[in-house]
Each structure stands twice: as C-alpha cells, then as structure tokens.
Amino acid sequence: MHACGHDGHTAIGLGVARELDRNGGFD
C-alpha cells in the first residue's frame, strides 16, 4: 500500500511536467 504518500509524489512530478508545458516552461 501507499502508506507514505509516494503516489502523490509521483503525481506531483508528472504534474510539474504538465504545468511547465502548459504555461510556457522556463529557460
């Protein structure tokens, strides 16, 4: 079971990629 939040961590990692792609990334 995910008893330490790593499912949420993985989701955040993927979410960062989505957010940067959606809002122009960075240099």
mmCIF file of all heavy atoms, coordinates in Angstrom:
data_MODEL
# 
_entry.id   MODEL 
# 
loop_
_atom_site.group_PDB 
_atom_site.id 
_atom_site.type_symbol 
_atom_site.label_atom_id 
_atom_site.label_alt_id 
_atom_site.label_comp_id 
_atom_site.label_asym_id 
_atom_site.label_entity_id 
_atom_site.label_seq_id 
_atom_site.pdbx_PDB_ins_code 
_atom_site.Cartn_x 
_atom_site.Cartn_y 
_atom_site.Cartn_z 
_atom_site.occupancy 
_atom_site.B_iso_or_equiv 
_atom_site.pdbx_formal_charge 
_atom_site.auth_seq_id 
_atom_site.auth_comp_id 
_atom_site.auth_asym_id 
_atom_site.auth_atom_id 
_atom_site.pdbx_PDB_model_num 
ATOM 1   N N   . MET A 1 1  ? 0.842  -1.196 0.000   1.00 0.00 ? 1  MET A N   1 
ATOM 2   C CA  . MET A 1 1  ? 0.000  0.000  0.000   1.00 0.00 ? 1  MET A CA  1 
ATOM 3   C C   . MET A 1 1  ? 0.879  1.248  0.000   1.00 0.00 ? 1  MET A C   1 
ATOM 4   O O   . MET A 1 1  ? 2.025  1.223  0.445   1.00 0.00 ? 1  MET A O   1 
ATOM 5   C CB  . MET A 1 1  ? -0.936 0.031  1.211   1.00 0.00 ? 1  MET A CB  1 
ATOM 6   C CG  . MET A 1 1  ? -0.263 0.364  2.529   1.00 0.00 ? 1  MET A CG  1 
ATOM 7   S SD  . MET A 1 1  ? -1.407 0.807  3.884   1.00 0.00 ? 1  MET A SD  1 
ATOM 8   C CE  . MET A 1 1  ? -1.937 2.458  3.404   1.00 0.00 ? 1  MET A CE  1 
ATOM 9   N N   . HIS A 1 2  ? 0.320  2.330  -0.511  1.00 0.00 ? 2  HIS A N   1 
ATOM 10  C CA  . HIS A 1 2  ? 0.992  3.625  -0.443  1.00 0.00 ? 2  HIS A CA  1 
ATOM 11  C C   . HIS A 1 2  ? 0.679  4.240  0.916   1.00 0.00 ? 2  HIS A C   1 
ATOM 12  O O   . HIS A 1 2  ? -0.289 4.977  1.074   1.00 0.00 ? 2  HIS A O   1 
ATOM 13  C CB  . HIS A 1 2  ? 0.545  4.524  -1.596  1.00 0.00 ? 2  HIS A CB  1 
ATOM 14  C CG  . HIS A 1 2  ? 1.333  4.305  -2.842  1.00 0.00 ? 2  HIS A CG  1 
ATOM 15  N ND1 . HIS A 1 2  ? 2.664  4.632  -2.940  1.00 0.00 ? 2  HIS A ND1 1 
ATOM 16  C CD2 . HIS A 1 2  ? 0.989  3.773  -4.034  1.00 0.00 ? 2  HIS A CD2 1 
ATOM 17  C CE1 . HIS A 1 2  ? 3.106  4.327  -4.142  1.00 0.00 ? 2  HIS A CE1 1 
ATOM 18  N NE2 . HIS A 1 2  ? 2.117  3.801  -4.828  1.00 0.00 ? 2  HIS A NE2 1 
ATOM 19  N N   . ALA A 1 3  ? 1.541  3.933  1.878   1.00 0.00 ? 3  ALA A N   1 
ATOM 20  C CA  . ALA A 1 3  ? 1.348  4.403  3.243   1.00 0.00 ? 3  ALA A CA  1 
ATOM 21  C C   . ALA A 1 3  ? 2.305  5.529  3.598   1.00 0.00 ? 3  ALA A C   1 
ATOM 22  O O   . ALA A 1 3  ? 2.515  5.822  4.770   1.00 0.00 ? 3  ALA A O   1 
ATOM 23  C CB  . ALA A 1 3  ? 1.537  3.239  4.221   1.00 0.00 ? 3  ALA A CB  1 
ATOM 24  N N   . CYS A 1 4  ? 2.896  6.164  2.573   1.00 0.00 ? 4  CYS A N   1 
ATOM 25  C CA  . CYS A 1 4  ? 3.828  7.257  2.849   1.00 0.00 ? 4  CYS A CA  1 
ATOM 26  C C   . CYS A 1 4  ? 3.672  8.414  1.869   1.00 0.00 ? 4  CYS A C   1 
ATOM 27  O O   . CYS A 1 4  ? 4.444  9.371  1.903   1.00 0.00 ? 4  CYS A O   1 
ATOM 28  C CB  . CYS A 1 4  ? 5.257  6.740  2.835   1.00 0.00 ? 4  CYS A CB  1 
ATOM 29  S SG  . CYS A 1 4  ? 6.425  7.808  3.717   1.00 0.00 ? 4  CYS A SG  1 
ATOM 30  N N   . GLY A 1 5  ? 2.700  8.337  0.961   1.00 0.00 ? 5  GLY A N   1 
ATOM 31  C CA  . GLY A 1 5  ? 2.437  9.456  0.072   1.00 0.00 ? 5  GLY A CA  1 
ATOM 32  C C   . GLY A 1 5  ? 3.213  9.460  -1.225  1.00 0.00 ? 5  GLY A C   1 
ATOM 33  O O   . GLY A 1 5  ? 3.151  10.429 -1.982  1.00 0.00 ? 5  GLY A O   1 
ATOM 34  N N   . HIS A 1 6  ? 3.940  8.379  -1.530  1.00 0.00 ? 6  HIS A N   1 
ATOM 35  C CA  . HIS A 1 6  ? 4.754  8.390  -2.738  1.00 0.00 ? 6  HIS A CA  1 
ATOM 36  C C   . HIS A 1 6  ? 3.905  8.377  -4.010  1.00 0.00 ? 6  HIS A C   1 
ATOM 37  O O   . HIS A 1 6  ? 4.389  8.791  -5.070  1.00 0.00 ? 6  HIS A O   1 
ATOM 38  C CB  . HIS A 1 6  ? 5.722  7.208  -2.749  1.00 0.00 ? 6  HIS A CB  1 
ATOM 39  C CG  . HIS A 1 6  ? 6.704  7.214  -1.616  1.00 0.00 ? 6  HIS A CG  1 
ATOM 40  N ND1 . HIS A 1 6  ? 7.752  6.316  -1.519  1.00 0.00 ? 6  HIS A ND1 1 
ATOM 41  C CD2 . HIS A 1 6  ? 6.808  8.018  -0.523  1.00 0.00 ? 6  HIS A CD2 1 
ATOM 42  C CE1 . HIS A 1 6  ? 8.437  6.556  -0.419  1.00 0.00 ? 6  HIS A CE1 1 
ATOM 43  N NE2 . HIS A 1 6  ? 7.879  7.570  0.209   1.00 0.00 ? 6  HIS A NE2 1 
ATOM 44  N N   . ASP A 1 7  ? 2.667  7.891  -3.920  1.00 0.00 ? 7  ASP A N   1 
ATOM 45  C CA  . ASP A 1 7  ? 1.764  8.014  -5.062  1.00 0.00 ? 7  ASP A CA  1 
ATOM 46  C C   . ASP A 1 7  ? 1.518  9.484  -5.377  1.00 0.00 ? 7  ASP A C   1 
ATOM 47  O O   . ASP A 1 7  ? 1.512  9.900  -6.545  1.00 0.00 ? 7  ASP A O   1 
ATOM 48  C CB  . ASP A 1 7  ? 0.449  7.278  -4.812  1.00 0.00 ? 7  ASP A CB  1 
ATOM 49  C CG  . ASP A 1 7  ? -0.184 7.608  -3.462  1.00 0.00 ? 7  ASP A CG  1 
ATOM 50  O OD1 . ASP A 1 7  ? 0.479  8.176  -2.566  1.00 0.00 ? 7  ASP A OD1 1 
ATOM 51  O OD2 . ASP A 1 7  ? -1.390 7.303  -3.289  1.00 0.00 ? 7  ASP A OD2 1 
ATOM 52  N N   . GLY A 1 8  ? 1.354  10.302 -4.324  1.00 0.00 ? 8  GLY A N   1 
ATOM 53  C CA  . GLY A 1 8  ? 1.198  11.740 -4.510  1.00 0.00 ? 8  GLY A CA  1 
ATOM 54  C C   . GLY A 1 8  ? 2.468  12.393 -5.014  1.00 0.00 ? 8  GLY A C   1 
ATOM 55  O O   . GLY A 1 8  ? 2.428  13.320 -5.827  1.00 0.00 ? 8  GLY A O   1 
ATOM 56  N N   . HIS A 1 9  ? 3.633  11.916 -4.561  1.00 0.00 ? 9  HIS A N   1 
ATOM 57  C CA  . HIS A 1 9  ? 4.895  12.467 -5.034  1.00 0.00 ? 9  HIS A CA  1 
ATOM 58  C C   . HIS A 1 9  ? 5.050  12.241 -6.535  1.00 0.00 ? 9  HIS A C   1 
ATOM 59  O O   . HIS A 1 9  ? 5.424  13.153 -7.285  1.00 0.00 ? 9  HIS A O   1 
ATOM 60  C CB  . HIS A 1 9  ? 6.077  11.811 -4.312  1.00 0.00 ? 9  HIS A CB  1 
ATOM 61  C CG  . HIS A 1 9  ? 6.053  11.958 -2.834  1.00 0.00 ? 9  HIS A CG  1 
ATOM 62  N ND1 . HIS A 1 9  ? 6.945  11.316 -2.007  1.00 0.00 ? 9  HIS A ND1 1 
ATOM 63  C CD2 . HIS A 1 9  ? 5.247  12.676 -2.013  1.00 0.00 ? 9  HIS A CD2 1 
ATOM 64  C CE1 . HIS A 1 9  ? 6.697  11.625 -0.747  1.00 0.00 ? 9  HIS A CE1 1 
ATOM 65  N NE2 . HIS A 1 9  ? 5.652  12.441 -0.734  1.00 0.00 ? 9  HIS A NE2 1 
ATOM 66  N N   . THR A 1 10 ? 4.773  11.010 -6.967  1.00 0.00 ? 10 THR A N   1 
ATOM 67  C CA  . THR A 1 10 ? 4.875  10.694 -8.393  1.00 0.00 ? 10 THR A CA  1 
ATOM 68  C C   . THR A 1 10 ? 3.924  11.551 -9.206  1.00 0.00 ? 10 THR A C   1 
ATOM 69  O O   . THR A 1 10 ? 4.277  12.057 -10.285 1.00 0.00 ? 10 THR A O   1 
ATOM 70  C CB  . THR A 1 10 ? 4.586  9.205  -8.623  1.00 0.00 ? 10 THR A CB  1 
ATOM 71  O OG1 . THR A 1 10 ? 5.455  8.415  -7.802  1.00 0.00 ? 10 THR A OG1 1 
ATOM 72  C CG2 . THR A 1 10 ? 4.789  8.815  -10.075 1.00 0.00 ? 10 THR A CG2 1 
ATOM 73  N N   . ALA A 1 11 ? 2.718  11.733 -8.688  1.00 0.00 ? 11 ALA A N   1 
ATOM 74  C CA  . ALA A 1 11 ? 1.743  12.582 -9.374  1.00 0.00 ? 11 ALA A CA  1 
ATOM 75  C C   . ALA A 1 11 ? 2.243  14.019 -9.468  1.00 0.00 ? 11 ALA A C   1 
ATOM 76  O O   . ALA A 1 11 ? 2.058  14.688 -10.505 1.00 0.00 ? 11 ALA A O   1 
ATOM 77  C CB  . ALA A 1 11 ? 0.401  12.527 -8.650  1.00 0.00 ? 11 ALA A CB  1 
ATOM 78  N N   . ILE A 1 12 ? 2.883  14.520 -8.426  1.00 0.00 ? 12 ILE A N   1 
ATOM 79  C CA  . ILE A 1 12 ? 3.424  15.876 -8.464  1.00 0.00 ? 12 ILE A CA  1 
ATOM 80  C C   . ILE A 1 12 ? 4.524  15.979 -9.526  1.00 0.00 ? 12 ILE A C   1 
ATOM 81  O O   . ILE A 1 12 ? 4.580  16.951 -10.290 1.00 0.00 ? 12 ILE A O   1 
ATOM 82  C CB  . ILE A 1 12 ? 3.953  16.293 -7.081  1.00 0.00 ? 12 ILE A CB  1 
ATOM 83  C CG1 . ILE A 1 12 ? 2.771  16.546 -6.130  1.00 0.00 ? 12 ILE A CG1 1 
ATOM 84  C CG2 . ILE A 1 12 ? 4.829  17.542 -7.180  1.00 0.00 ? 12 ILE A CG2 1 
ATOM 85  C CD1 . ILE A 1 12 ? 3.174  16.783 -4.688  1.00 0.00 ? 12 ILE A CD1 1 
ATOM 86  N N   . GLY A 1 13 ? 5.398  14.980 -9.597  1.00 0.00 ? 13 GLY A N   1 
ATOM 87  C CA  . GLY A 1 13 ? 6.449  15.002 -10.611 1.00 0.00 ? 13 GLY A CA  1 
ATOM 88  C C   . GLY A 1 13 ? 5.882  15.091 -12.011 1.00 0.00 ? 13 GLY A C   1 
ATOM 89  O O   . GLY A 1 13 ? 6.343  15.899 -12.838 1.00 0.00 ? 13 GLY A O   1 
ATOM 90  N N   . LEU A 1 14 ? 4.871  14.271 -12.294 1.00 0.00 ? 14 LEU A N   1 
ATOM 91  C CA  . LEU A 1 14 ? 4.229  14.332 -13.603 1.00 0.00 ? 14 LEU A CA  1 
ATOM 92  C C   . LEU A 1 14 ? 3.490  15.651 -13.782 1.00 0.00 ? 14 LEU A C   1 
ATOM 93  O O   . LEU A 1 14 ? 3.493  16.253 -14.869 1.00 0.00 ? 14 LEU A O   1 
ATOM 94  C CB  . LEU A 1 14 ? 3.262  13.153 -13.756 1.00 0.00 ? 14 LEU A CB  1 
ATOM 95  C CG  . LEU A 1 14 ? 2.576  12.999 -15.112 1.00 0.00 ? 14 LEU A CG  1 
ATOM 96  C CD1 . LEU A 1 14 ? 3.592  12.843 -16.224 1.00 0.00 ? 14 LEU A CD1 1 
ATOM 97  C CD2 . LEU A 1 14 ? 1.616  11.812 -15.085 1.00 0.00 ? 14 LEU A CD2 1 
ATOM 98  N N   . GLY A 1 15 ? 2.865  16.130 -12.709 1.00 0.00 ? 15 GLY A N   1 
ATOM 99  C CA  . GLY A 1 15 ? 2.128  17.391 -12.772 1.00 0.00 ? 15 GLY A CA  1 
ATOM 100 C C   . GLY A 1 15 ? 3.020  18.580 -13.061 1.00 0.00 ? 15 GLY A C   1 
ATOM 101 O O   . GLY A 1 15 ? 2.608  19.535 -13.749 1.00 0.00 ? 15 GLY A O   1 
ATOM 102 N N   . VAL A 1 16 ? 4.255  18.556 -12.575 1.00 0.00 ? 16 VAL A N   1 
ATOM 103 C CA  . VAL A 1 16 ? 5.200  19.642 -12.882 1.00 0.00 ? 16 VAL A CA  1 
ATOM 104 C C   . VAL A 1 16 ? 5.475  19.685 -14.376 1.00 0.00 ? 16 VAL A C   1 
ATOM 105 O O   . VAL A 1 16 ? 5.511  20.764 -14.989 1.00 0.00 ? 16 VAL A O   1 
ATOM 106 C CB  . VAL A 1 16 ? 6.507  19.452 -12.075 1.00 0.00 ? 16 VAL A CB  1 
ATOM 107 C CG1 . VAL A 1 16 ? 7.604  20.383 -12.581 1.00 0.00 ? 16 VAL A CG1 1 
ATOM 108 C CG2 . VAL A 1 16 ? 6.247  19.696 -10.593 1.00 0.00 ? 16 VAL A CG2 1 
ATOM 109 N N   . ALA A 1 17 ? 5.667  18.517 -14.986 1.00 0.00 ? 17 ALA A N   1 
ATOM 110 C CA  . ALA A 1 17 ? 5.881  18.476 -16.441 1.00 0.00 ? 17 ALA A CA  1 
ATOM 111 C C   . ALA A 1 17 ? 4.672  19.044 -17.175 1.00 0.00 ? 17 ALA A C   1 
ATOM 112 O O   . ALA A 1 17 ? 4.811  19.832 -18.127 1.00 0.00 ? 17 ALA A O   1 
ATOM 113 C CB  . ALA A 1 17 ? 6.147  17.036 -16.887 1.00 0.00 ? 17 ALA A CB  1 
ATOM 114 N N   . ARG A 1 18 ? 3.482  18.668 -16.764 1.00 0.00 ? 18 ARG A N   1 
ATOM 115 C CA  . ARG A 1 18 ? 2.273  19.194 -17.397 1.00 0.00 ? 18 ARG A CA  1 
ATOM 116 C C   . ARG A 1 18 ? 2.182  20.707 -17.243 1.00 0.00 ? 18 ARG A C   1 
ATOM 117 O O   . ARG A 1 18 ? 1.864  21.434 -18.193 1.00 0.00 ? 18 ARG A O   1 
ATOM 118 C CB  . ARG A 1 18 ? 1.031  18.539 -16.790 1.00 0.00 ? 18 ARG A CB  1 
ATOM 119 C CG  . ARG A 1 18 ? 0.832  17.074 -17.134 1.00 0.00 ? 18 ARG A CG  1 
ATOM 120 C CD  . ARG A 1 18 ? -0.499 16.579 -16.572 1.00 0.00 ? 18 ARG A CD  1 
ATOM 121 N NE  . ARG A 1 18 ? -0.712 15.163 -16.824 1.00 0.00 ? 18 ARG A NE  1 
ATOM 122 C CZ  . ARG A 1 18 ? -1.817 14.505 -16.503 1.00 0.00 ? 18 ARG A CZ  1 
ATOM 123 N NH1 . ARG A 1 18 ? -2.811 15.162 -15.887 1.00 0.00 ? 18 ARG A NH1 1 
ATOM 124 N NH2 . ARG A 1 18 ? -1.941 13.216 -16.766 1.00 0.00 ? 18 ARG A NH2 1 
ATOM 125 N N   . GLU A 1 19 ? 2.449  21.190 -16.032 1.00 0.00 ? 19 GLU A N   1 
ATOM 126 C CA  . GLU A 1 19 ? 2.290  22.616 -15.758 1.00 0.00 ? 19 GLU A CA  1 
ATOM 127 C C   . GLU A 1 19 ? 3.295  23.449 -16.553 1.00 0.00 ? 19 GLU A C   1 
ATOM 128 O O   . GLU A 1 19 ? 2.949  24.490 -17.130 1.00 0.00 ? 19 GLU A O   1 
ATOM 129 C CB  . GLU A 1 19 ? 2.461  22.871 -14.260 1.00 0.00 ? 19 GLU A CB  1 
ATOM 130 C CG  . GLU A 1 19 ? 1.804  24.157 -13.754 1.00 0.00 ? 19 GLU A CG  1 
ATOM 131 C CD  . GLU A 1 19 ? 2.667  25.382 -13.985 1.00 0.00 ? 19 GLU A CD  1 
ATOM 132 O OE1 . GLU A 1 19 ? 3.881  25.228 -14.227 1.00 0.00 ? 19 GLU A OE1 1 
ATOM 133 O OE2 . GLU A 1 19 ? 2.146  26.504 -13.931 1.00 0.00 ? 19 GLU A OE2 1 
ATOM 134 N N   . LEU A 1 20 ? 4.533  23.009 -16.613 1.00 0.00 ? 20 LEU A N   1 
ATOM 135 C CA  . LEU A 1 20 ? 5.540  23.750 -17.361 1.00 0.00 ? 20 LEU A CA  1 
ATOM 136 C C   . LEU A 1 20 ? 5.235  23.745 -18.854 1.00 0.00 ? 20 LEU A C   1 
ATOM 137 O O   . LEU A 1 20 ? 5.415  24.752 -19.541 1.00 0.00 ? 20 LEU A O   1 
ATOM 138 C CB  . LEU A 1 20 ? 6.929  23.183 -17.087 1.00 0.00 ? 20 LEU A CB  1 
ATOM 139 C CG  . LEU A 1 20 ? 7.469  23.428 -15.674 1.00 0.00 ? 20 LEU A CG  1 
ATOM 140 C CD1 . LEU A 1 20 ? 8.780  22.675 -15.460 1.00 0.00 ? 20 LEU A CD1 1 
ATOM 141 C CD2 . LEU A 1 20 ? 7.655  24.912 -15.396 1.00 0.00 ? 20 LEU A CD2 1 
ATOM 142 N N   . ASP A 1 21 ? 4.764  22.630 -19.373 1.00 0.00 ? 21 ASP A N   1 
ATOM 143 C CA  . ASP A 1 21 ? 4.377  22.580 -20.784 1.00 0.00 ? 21 ASP A CA  1 
ATOM 144 C C   . ASP A 1 21 ? 3.195  23.498 -21.072 1.00 0.00 ? 21 ASP A C   1 
ATOM 145 O O   . ASP A 1 21 ? 3.142  24.172 -22.103 1.00 0.00 ? 21 ASP A O   1 
ATOM 146 C CB  . ASP A 1 21 ? 4.007  21.147 -21.177 1.00 0.00 ? 21 ASP A CB  1 
ATOM 147 C CG  . ASP A 1 21 ? 5.230  20.291 -21.474 1.00 0.00 ? 21 ASP A CG  1 
ATOM 148 O OD1 . ASP A 1 21 ? 6.359  20.807 -21.359 1.00 0.00 ? 21 ASP A OD1 1 
ATOM 149 O OD2 . ASP A 1 21 ? 5.052  19.104 -21.806 1.00 0.00 ? 21 ASP A OD2 1 
ATOM 150 N N   . ARG A 1 22 ? 2.252  23.520 -20.148 1.00 0.00 ? 22 ARG A N   1 
ATOM 151 C CA  . ARG A 1 22 ? 1.023  24.296 -20.360 1.00 0.00 ? 22 ARG A CA  1 
ATOM 152 C C   . ARG A 1 22 ? 1.273  25.793 -20.257 1.00 0.00 ? 22 ARG A C   1 
ATOM 153 O O   . ARG A 1 22 ? 0.640  26.593 -20.965 1.00 0.00 ? 22 ARG A O   1 
ATOM 154 C CB  . ARG A 1 22 ? -0.023 23.854 -19.322 1.00 0.00 ? 22 ARG A CB  1 
ATOM 155 C CG  . ARG A 1 22 ? -1.384 24.526 -19.472 1.00 0.00 ? 22 ARG A CG  1 
ATOM 156 C CD  . ARG A 1 22 ? -2.420 23.885 -18.565 1.00 0.00 ? 22 ARG A CD  1 
ATOM 157 N NE  . ARG A 1 22 ? -2.029 23.920 -17.166 1.00 0.00 ? 22 ARG A NE  1 
ATOM 158 C CZ  . ARG A 1 22 ? -1.733 22.848 -16.436 1.00 0.00 ? 22 ARG A CZ  1 
ATOM 159 N NH1 . ARG A 1 22 ? -1.756 21.642 -16.981 1.00 0.00 ? 22 ARG A NH1 1 
ATOM 160 N NH2 . ARG A 1 22 ? -1.404 22.966 -15.164 1.00 0.00 ? 22 ARG A NH2 1 
ATOM 161 N N   . ASN A 1 23 ? 2.202  26.195 -19.409 1.00 0.00 ? 23 ASN A N   1 
ATOM 162 C CA  . ASN A 1 23 ? 2.375  27.623 -19.117 1.00 0.00 ? 23 ASN A CA  1 
ATOM 163 C C   . ASN A 1 23 ? 3.737  28.177 -19.534 1.00 0.00 ? 23 ASN A C   1 
ATOM 164 O O   . ASN A 1 23 ? 4.294  29.056 -18.886 1.00 0.00 ? 23 ASN A O   1 
ATOM 165 C CB  . ASN A 1 23 ? 2.138  27.875 -17.627 1.00 0.00 ? 23 ASN A CB  1 
ATOM 166 C CG  . ASN A 1 23 ? 0.684  27.633 -17.241 1.00 0.00 ? 23 ASN A CG  1 
ATOM 167 O OD1 . ASN A 1 23 ? -0.216 28.060 -17.948 1.00 0.00 ? 23 ASN A OD1 1 
ATOM 168 N ND2 . ASN A 1 23 ? 0.475  26.947 -16.130 1.00 0.00 ? 23 ASN A ND2 1 
ATOM 169 N N   . GLY A 1 24 ? 4.273  27.620 -20.595 1.00 0.00 ? 24 GLY A N   1 
ATOM 170 C CA  . GLY A 1 24 ? 5.428  28.256 -21.218 1.00 0.00 ? 24 GLY A CA  1 
ATOM 171 C C   . GLY A 1 24 ? 6.774  27.821 -20.734 1.00 0.00 ? 24 GLY A C   1 
ATOM 172 O O   . GLY A 1 24 ? 7.798  28.338 -21.192 1.00 0.00 ? 24 GLY A O   1 
ATOM 173 N N   . GLY A 1 25 ? 6.842  26.873 -19.824 1.00 0.00 ? 25 GLY A N   1 
ATOM 174 C CA  . GLY A 1 25 ? 8.122  26.355 -19.391 1.00 0.00 ? 25 GLY A CA  1 
ATOM 175 C C   . GLY A 1 25 ? 8.990  27.388 -18.711 1.00 0.00 ? 25 GLY A C   1 
ATOM 176 O O   . GLY A 1 25 ? 8.518  28.242 -17.952 1.00 0.00 ? 25 GLY A O   1 
ATOM 177 N N   . PHE A 1 26 ? 10.294 27.359 -18.996 1.00 0.00 ? 26 PHE A N   1 
ATOM 178 C CA  . PHE A 1 26 ? 11.262 28.277 -18.416 1.00 0.00 ? 26 PHE A CA  1 
ATOM 179 C C   . PHE A 1 26 ? 12.490 28.219 -19.314 1.00 0.00 ? 26 PHE A C   1 
ATOM 180 O O   . PHE A 1 26 ? 12.520 27.490 -20.308 1.00 0.00 ? 26 PHE A O   1 
ATOM 181 C CB  . PHE A 1 26 ? 11.597 27.874 -16.975 1.00 0.00 ? 26 PHE A CB  1 
ATOM 182 C CG  . PHE A 1 26 ? 12.302 26.543 -16.861 1.00 0.00 ? 26 PHE A CG  1 
ATOM 183 C CD1 . PHE A 1 26 ? 13.670 26.482 -16.609 1.00 0.00 ? 26 PHE A CD1 1 
ATOM 184 C CD2 . PHE A 1 26 ? 11.609 25.345 -17.016 1.00 0.00 ? 26 PHE A CD2 1 
ATOM 185 C CE1 . PHE A 1 26 ? 14.328 25.261 -16.517 1.00 0.00 ? 26 PHE A CE1 1 
ATOM 186 C CE2 . PHE A 1 26 ? 12.260 24.127 -16.923 1.00 0.00 ? 26 PHE A CE2 1 
ATOM 187 C CZ  . PHE A 1 26 ? 13.623 24.076 -16.668 1.00 0.00 ? 26 PHE A CZ  1 
ATOM 188 N N   . ASP A 1 27 ? 13.499 28.958 -19.007 1.00 0.00 ? 27 ASP A N   1 
ATOM 189 C CA  . ASP A 1 27 ? 14.714 28.931 -19.813 1.00 0.00 ? 27 ASP A CA  1 
ATOM 190 C C   . ASP A 1 27 ? 15.752 28.052 -19.117 1.00 0.00 ? 27 ASP A C   1 
ATOM 191 O O   . ASP A 1 27 ? 16.472 28.501 -18.219 1.00 0.00 ? 27 ASP A O   1 
ATOM 192 C CB  . ASP A 1 27 ? 15.257 30.355 -19.998 1.00 0.00 ? 27 ASP A CB  1 
ATOM 193 C CG  . ASP A 1 27 ? 16.479 30.372 -20.911 1.00 0.00 ? 27 ASP A CG  1 
ATOM 194 O OD1 . ASP A 1 27 ? 16.671 29.385 -21.652 1.00 0.00 ? 27 ASP A OD1 1 
ATOM 195 O OD2 . ASP A 1 27 ? 17.233 31.363 -20.876 1.00 0.00 ? 27 ASP A OD2 1 
# 
